[in-house]
Amino acid sequence: MVSDVIGNGLYSIGFPSNAAIAAVVTFLKSYFMIFTAMILPFLQKIRLRVITRAVVWLSIGYIVTTVVLLAMLFLNLNPPPVPPLTVAQIIPLLANVIPGGKETLAINLAEFQPFFGISLPRILLYTADPPILGVCAVFNLLICLGESDRKLKWWAIAGCLIALFLCFSRIAWIAVPCTFLIVYCFRKRWLGLSSLWVGMGLGMLAASLGLTIIQMFEQPMELFTSARVESSRDRALVVSRTIDAWLEYPWFGLYLHGVFGFVVFIAALGLTLWDLWQSAKLGSIVAQRAFAAVLVLVLMCNATPLSWMAVSFWYFFIWLGVILYRSRPQYQAISEWEQLAG
């Protein structure tokens, strides 16, 4: 009764209840989940070896699932997609007893899609979109490098590379060499001079090829776009519509919750990188990988919003929290909220 009165009252004054509910749900399943996952190691001790081994088995599972999906695809065992779906799906039998939509329980099967004009199989394991699988593969690869069992590590790396290849995520492919380049700069203590070296290298390459710096970036982007023209066109449309929505509600808009949310996001990102930097510059290889992972996460967010992707790789933020916890002067569990500020 009271809720109906409140709801009708808010509706009568033009309060956008649907937009508000959507914003709250987005916050809970993304940013609040990220915060919760990162502070969990501070509240309850989690060993880095445990989270690493769990991700290793997840990555090995990519191999098994991929083999099954590709076998079904090549043996023509996939059921035809039911309109308006464009991807073949299998709905588990138990899903029929659950009320509401069944999309979150659906098993999406592999399909053939053109890539550089060649029809190749594409998959989206345990994610809502193939590019999100590419992001998961990048993070899994960095996490699995810390596995102590060499045999398990190489199987996990193989699973990550298979997922990375079959997701067709161009941004993820760019992110992989970027992460190793950042870690390499740490190991060689070149990070402080990396911008100078990159600038000099680009200048020399442009001069030798007779191109301007802008042309050097435009031509790879044309090749990047030609790989999947429809995907690039759709992404450009989403980005333009997102910017329009941000301009319509600048302070608390949709994308990153406007200027206010963007400032909070940048502050959280900066503080996280600063803490990781303190350990990375002292030679911690795990902190160096985490530092590189956070940087490439920003790069990969240019393709898909973080609020949509985060739920698919929540374990990455727990791994990140464990590393941040290990970087503290003394290892102790947090019993009061005030200790987090310290």
Foldseek 3Di string as FASTA:
>chain_A
DVVVVVVVVCVVVPNPVVVVVVVVVLCVLFVVLLVCLLCVCQAPPDDLQVLLVVLLVVLLVLVVVVVVLVVCAVVVVFDQDDPPDHFGWDQDPVLVVPDDDRVLRIDTGWDWDAFLRDTDIADCPNAPALLLLLLSLLLSLLSLVPHPDPVSSVSSNVSSVVSNVRSPNPLSVVLNVQLVVQLVCLVVVNVVVVVVVVVVVLVVVCVVVVHDSVVVVVVVVVVVCSRPVVLVVVQVVVVVVQVVQCVVVACQGDACRHPVSVVVVVVVLVVLLVLLVVVSNVPDSSSSSLNSSSVSVVSSCSRPPSSRSCSSPSSSSNSSSNVSQVSDPDRDHDDDPVVVVD
